[in-house]
Amino acid sequence: MKDQPEQDTTAEAAVAEGTARVAVRVRGLWKRFGEQVAVSGVDLDVPAGRFIGLVGPNGAGKTTTLSMITGLLRPDSGTVEIAGKDVWRDPVAVKARIGVLPEGLRLFERLSGRELLTYIGQLRGLPGEEVDRRANQLLDVLDLSGAQHKLVVDYSTGMRKKTGLAAALLHNPEVLFLDEPFEGVDPVSAQTIRGVLERYTASGATVVFSSHVMELVESLCDWVAVMASGRIRAHGPLAEVRGDADSLQDAFLGLVGVRGNPAGNRLDWLGGGA
């Protein structure tokens, strides 16, 4: 499979011809930290109304890319447009249209879950009654109603992730960005989050989430971008990127140049007792 495969599917051709909506358009995105190049010239058109997976090994540049796309980190060069608005020229308009759940999210821990959502709603300029209505529904659907008056500092990892997701969804964004949303989350909470995201994309909204768990991406996403060493190696509908491989995991390993782990063959002392 070639890097940056030709856009020959119906969906990809529609994006190229401008007949399909583009949720996120990235051009020439670069970011360096000292001598290290974290992101090197990313170009990407993300179609709207899809469940998008940004996949890659640890250190591939996924978090840095998402941070620049969402306006959390200024790129060294390049442009990003979301819903037709430039992220850095029109940040207020963009941030009104997106929801973000970053990795390592820090919440206001001395607020309760309910208070946190009320505060976020006020920051977003939503009417008080509408904030209460949406918060009630989100707390119920995410199975947080019973803990809504507990302080966030006492929440488990799964509860924090669900609370962060509720805060990101409260203003009904057009595009939702999630960085490793299932990391450290128990299976019950993960299933709850998954159900909410599937319902959200079914309404026509766009979800972009990063992960290094190929099985999860393959079960959730219908469009993927594979990233390694700061570059997009392949992108498009899941079936196209997977190609003739048995799974997305196999296709991914081929794209990033991994052919097994020969180093493991040298650990002849490992296992089998003393």
Protein backbone atom coordinates (compact mmCIF):
# COMPACT_ATOMS: atom_id res chain seq x y z
CA MET A 1 0.00 0.00 0.00
CA LYS A 2 1.32 3.43 -0.94
CA ASP A 3 1.65 6.46 1.28
CA GLN A 4 -1.21 8.91 0.76
CA PRO A 5 -3.36 6.60 -1.45
CA GLU A 6 -5.13 8.12 -4.42
CA GLN A 7 -8.61 9.40 -3.63
CA ASP A 8 -10.45 6.95 -5.86
CA THR A 9 -13.49 6.00 -3.78
CA THR A 10 -16.82 7.73 -4.17
CA ALA A 11 -16.58 9.50 -0.81
CA GLU A 12 -13.00 10.62 -1.37
CA ALA A 13 -13.74 11.78 -4.91
CA ALA A 14 -16.69 13.76 -3.63
CA VAL A 15 -14.47 15.54 -1.12
CA ALA A 16 -11.89 16.28 -3.80
CA GLU A 17 -14.56 17.69 -6.13
CA GLY A 18 -16.12 19.79 -3.39
CA THR A 19 -19.48 17.98 -3.51
CA ALA A 20 -19.15 16.61 0.01
CA ARG A 21 -18.76 18.72 3.12
CA VAL A 22 -15.29 18.91 4.67
CA ALA A 23 -15.36 19.20 8.44
CA VAL A 24 -11.63 19.83 8.87
CA ARG A 25 -9.12 21.02 6.26
CA VAL A 26 -5.43 20.93 7.18
CA ARG A 27 -2.67 22.28 4.95
CA GLY A 28 1.09 22.24 5.51
CA LEU A 29 0.99 21.73 9.27
CA TRP A 30 4.42 21.71 10.94
CA LYS A 31 5.55 21.67 14.56
CA ARG A 32 9.02 21.40 16.04
CA PHE A 33 10.12 21.17 19.65
CA GLY A 34 13.76 22.19 19.60
CA GLU A 35 15.52 19.81 17.22
CA GLN A 36 12.66 17.32 17.22
CA VAL A 37 10.12 17.50 14.41
CA ALA A 38 6.80 16.36 15.88
CA VAL A 39 4.58 17.07 12.87
CA SER A 40 6.05 17.43 9.39
CA GLY A 41 3.82 18.89 6.72
CA VAL A 42 0.42 17.31 7.35
CA ASP A 43 -2.23 17.80 4.65
CA LEU A 44 -5.63 16.30 5.35
CA ASP A 45 -9.30 16.77 4.42
CA VAL A 46 -11.64 15.20 6.95
CA PRO A 47 -15.17 14.56 5.63
CA ALA A 48 -18.12 15.76 7.69
CA GLY A 49 -20.67 13.47 9.28
CA ARG A 50 -18.24 10.58 9.76
CA PHE A 51 -16.60 8.75 12.65
CA ILE A 52 -12.92 9.49 12.05
CA GLY A 53 -10.01 7.63 13.59
CA LEU A 54 -6.52 9.16 13.77
CA VAL A 55 -4.29 6.20 14.50
CA GLY A 56 -0.59 5.78 15.07
CA PRO A 57 2.02 4.47 17.50
CA ASN A 58 2.99 6.40 20.60
CA GLY A 59 5.03 9.43 19.57
CA ALA A 60 3.55 9.55 16.07
CA GLY A 61 2.38 13.14 16.51
CA LYS A 62 -1.34 12.49 17.02
CA THR A 63 -1.77 14.59 20.17
CA THR A 64 0.34 17.43 18.76
CA THR A 65 -1.70 17.41 15.56
CA LEU A 66 -5.03 17.45 17.38
CA SER A 67 -3.78 20.20 19.70
CA MET A 68 -2.92 22.39 16.71
CA ILE A 69 -6.17 21.58 14.90
CA THR A 70 -8.25 22.57 17.92
CA GLY A 71 -6.33 25.76 18.69
CA LEU A 72 -4.63 24.51 21.84
CA LEU A 73 -1.14 24.69 20.33
CA ARG A 74 0.08 27.17 17.71
CA PRO A 75 1.76 25.52 14.71
CA ASP A 76 5.09 26.68 13.34
CA SER A 77 3.45 26.89 9.93
CA GLY A 78 0.34 25.72 8.11
CA THR A 79 -3.39 26.40 8.23
CA VAL A 80 -6.41 24.67 9.72
CA GLU A 81 -10.05 25.30 8.82
CA ILE A 82 -13.00 23.85 10.70
CA ALA A 83 -16.47 24.26 9.20
CA GLY A 84 -14.92 26.76 6.80
CA LYS A 85 -13.43 28.95 9.56
CA ASP A 86 -9.70 29.46 10.09
CA VAL A 87 -8.71 28.22 13.54
CA TRP A 88 -6.14 30.94 14.16
CA ARG A 89 -7.74 33.86 12.33
CA ASP A 90 -11.25 33.31 13.70
CA PRO A 91 -10.74 31.35 16.94
CA VAL A 92 -13.98 32.42 18.63
CA ALA A 93 -16.13 31.24 15.72
CA VAL A 94 -14.25 27.94 15.54
CA LYS A 95 -14.39 27.19 19.26
CA ALA A 96 -18.15 27.77 19.24
CA ARG A 97 -18.42 24.94 16.70
CA ILE A 98 -16.16 22.33 18.29
CA GLY A 99 -16.01 20.20 21.40
CA VAL A 100 -12.68 18.93 22.75
CA LEU A 101 -11.81 16.14 25.17
CA PRO A 102 -8.00 16.26 25.40
CA GLU A 103 -5.77 13.57 26.82
CA GLY A 104 -4.96 14.18 30.48
CA LEU A 105 -7.96 16.47 30.86
CA ARG A 106 -7.82 18.66 33.97
CA LEU A 107 -11.24 19.47 35.42
CA PHE A 108 -12.23 21.87 38.16
CA GLU A 109 -11.93 19.32 40.93
CA ARG A 110 -13.59 21.35 43.69
CA LEU A 111 -16.83 21.55 41.74
CA SER A 112 -19.39 18.78 41.59
CA GLY A 113 -20.21 17.22 38.24
CA ARG A 114 -23.45 19.20 38.10
CA GLU A 115 -21.72 22.46 39.02
CA LEU A 116 -19.06 21.87 36.39
CA LEU A 117 -21.63 21.44 33.62
CA THR A 118 -23.53 24.52 34.80
CA TYR A 119 -20.31 26.54 34.73
CA ILE A 120 -19.39 25.28 31.24
CA GLY A 121 -22.88 26.09 30.01
CA GLN A 122 -22.60 29.64 31.33
CA LEU A 123 -19.21 30.06 29.64
CA ARG A 124 -20.82 28.92 26.39
CA GLY A 125 -23.57 31.51 26.78
CA LEU A 126 -26.43 29.03 26.99
CA PRO A 127 -29.63 30.07 28.82
CA GLY A 128 -29.85 28.70 32.36
CA GLU A 129 -32.94 26.57 31.73
CA GLU A 130 -31.37 25.06 28.60
CA VAL A 131 -28.18 24.26 30.50
CA ASP A 132 -30.20 22.45 33.16
CA ARG A 133 -32.15 20.51 30.54
CA ARG A 134 -29.09 19.40 28.62
CA ALA A 135 -27.09 18.65 31.78
CA ASN A 136 -29.92 16.46 33.11
CA GLN A 137 -30.00 14.47 29.90
CA LEU A 138 -26.23 14.09 29.65
CA LEU A 139 -25.87 13.05 33.29
CA ASP A 140 -28.62 10.49 32.83
CA VAL A 141 -27.35 9.03 29.55
CA LEU A 142 -23.76 8.86 30.82
CA ASP A 143 -24.85 7.21 34.07
CA LEU A 144 -23.61 10.10 36.21
CA SER A 145 -26.87 11.19 37.82
CA GLY A 146 -26.13 9.38 41.06
CA ALA A 147 -22.76 11.15 41.39
CA GLN A 148 -23.73 14.57 40.06
CA HIS A 149 -23.39 16.25 43.48
CA LYS A 150 -20.07 14.61 44.36
CA LEU A 151 -16.88 16.62 43.90
CA VAL A 152 -14.97 15.82 40.72
CA VAL A 153 -11.86 15.16 42.84
CA ASP A 154 -13.60 12.01 44.10
CA TYR A 155 -14.47 10.73 40.61
CA SER A 156 -12.89 7.65 39.08
CA THR A 157 -11.03 7.84 35.75
CA GLY A 158 -14.10 6.63 33.89
CA MET A 159 -16.34 9.17 35.59
CA ARG A 160 -13.91 11.96 34.76
CA LYS A 161 -13.83 10.93 31.10
CA LYS A 162 -17.63 10.84 30.97
CA THR A 163 -17.89 14.22 32.69
CA GLY A 164 -15.37 15.68 30.25
CA LEU A 165 -17.38 14.24 27.36
CA ALA A 166 -20.57 15.78 28.75
CA ALA A 167 -18.83 19.17 28.98
CA ALA A 168 -17.59 18.84 25.39
CA LEU A 169 -21.07 17.96 24.10
CA LEU A 170 -23.11 20.44 26.14
CA HIS A 171 -23.20 23.16 23.44
CA ASN A 172 -23.96 20.63 20.66
CA PRO A 173 -20.79 21.13 18.58
CA GLU A 174 -20.50 20.38 14.87
CA VAL A 175 -17.19 18.56 15.33
CA LEU A 176 -16.02 16.67 18.41
CA PHE A 177 -12.31 15.97 19.00
CA LEU A 178 -11.29 13.23 21.41
CA ASP A 179 -7.71 12.30 22.32
CA GLU A 180 -7.53 8.71 23.59
CA PRO A 181 -11.08 8.88 25.05
CA PHE A 182 -11.05 5.23 26.18
CA GLU A 183 -7.62 5.26 27.84
CA GLY A 184 -7.90 3.95 31.41
CA VAL A 185 -11.69 3.60 31.17
CA ASP A 186 -13.45 0.50 32.50
CA PRO A 187 -15.51 -1.60 30.03
CA VAL A 188 -18.88 -0.40 31.35
CA SER A 189 -17.94 3.28 31.01
CA ALA A 190 -16.35 2.61 27.62
CA GLN A 191 -19.57 1.06 26.34
CA THR A 192 -21.56 4.04 27.61
CA ILE A 193 -19.20 6.51 25.90
CA ARG A 194 -19.32 4.48 22.71
CA GLY A 195 -23.11 4.54 22.63
CA VAL A 196 -23.22 8.32 23.05
CA LEU A 197 -20.68 8.85 20.27
CA GLU A 198 -22.51 6.55 17.86
CA ARG A 199 -25.75 8.42 18.52
CA TYR A 200 -23.97 11.73 18.02
CA THR A 201 -22.50 10.81 14.61
CA ALA A 202 -25.82 9.30 13.51
CA SER A 203 -27.27 12.83 13.80
CA GLY A 204 -24.82 14.08 11.14
CA ALA A 205 -22.10 15.44 13.42
CA THR A 206 -18.40 14.57 13.07
CA VAL A 207 -16.19 12.79 15.61
CA VAL A 208 -12.41 12.79 15.30
CA PHE A 209 -10.60 10.68 17.85
CA SER A 210 -7.05 9.47 18.24
CA SER A 211 -6.06 6.04 19.42
CA HIS A 212 -3.36 3.42 19.11
CA VAL A 213 -5.83 0.56 19.68
CA MET A 214 -6.56 -0.69 16.18
CA GLU A 215 -9.38 -3.06 17.18
CA LEU A 216 -11.29 -0.17 18.76
CA VAL A 217 -10.84 2.06 15.72
CA GLU A 218 -11.86 -0.74 13.36
CA SER A 219 -15.06 -1.38 15.31
CA LEU A 220 -16.04 2.30 15.60
CA CYS A 221 -14.74 4.25 12.62
CA ASP A 222 -15.73 4.38 8.98
CA TRP A 223 -12.83 6.68 7.95
CA VAL A 224 -9.25 6.63 9.22
CA ALA A 225 -5.93 8.44 8.91
CA VAL A 226 -2.73 6.60 9.77
CA MET A 227 0.06 8.70 11.24
CA ALA A 228 3.70 7.85 11.94
CA SER A 229 6.81 9.97 12.50
CA GLY A 230 4.79 13.16 12.19
CA ARG A 231 3.35 12.34 8.75
CA ILE A 232 0.07 11.00 7.42
CA ARG A 233 0.92 7.67 5.81
CA ALA A 234 -2.56 6.82 4.50
CA HIS A 235 -6.09 8.13 4.81
CA GLY A 236 -9.57 7.39 3.54
CA PRO A 237 -12.50 5.06 4.16
CA LEU A 238 -11.64 2.21 6.52
CA ALA A 239 -11.98 -0.49 3.85
CA GLU A 240 -9.64 1.39 1.50
CA VAL A 241 -6.92 1.91 4.09
CA ARG A 242 -7.20 -1.70 5.25
CA GLY A 243 -6.92 -2.88 1.64
CA ASP A 244 -6.15 -6.57 1.28
CA ALA A 245 -4.89 -6.94 4.85
CA ASP A 246 -6.79 -9.20 7.24
CA SER A 247 -7.27 -6.35 9.72
CA LEU A 248 -6.55 -2.68 10.25
CA GLN A 249 -3.80 -3.77 12.65
CA ASP A 250 -2.00 -5.66 9.85
CA ALA A 251 -2.42 -2.77 7.42
CA PHE A 252 -1.18 -0.34 10.05
CA LEU A 253 1.96 -2.37 10.78
CA GLY A 254 2.75 -2.45 7.09
CA LEU A 255 2.20 1.29 6.69
CA VAL A 256 4.50 2.22 9.58
CA GLY A 257 7.16 -0.28 8.48
CA VAL A 258 6.93 -2.79 11.33
CA ARG A 259 7.65 -6.43 10.44
CA GLY A 260 7.41 -8.28 13.70
CA ASN A 261 9.77 -7.86 16.65
CA PRO A 262 13.08 -9.63 16.00
CA ALA A 263 14.44 -8.30 19.29
CA GLY A 264 12.04 -10.63 21.09
CA ASN A 265 13.87 -13.62 19.60
CA ARG A 266 16.94 -12.66 21.60
CA LEU A 267 15.19 -12.92 24.97
CA ASP A 268 15.93 -16.64 25.27
CA TRP A 269 16.19 -16.32 29.06
CA LEU A 270 12.64 -14.99 29.48
CA GLY A 271 10.00 -17.38 30.81
CA GLY A 272 10.12 -21.05 31.72
CA GLY A 273 11.36 -20.44 35.27
CA ALA A 274 14.95 -20.34 36.54
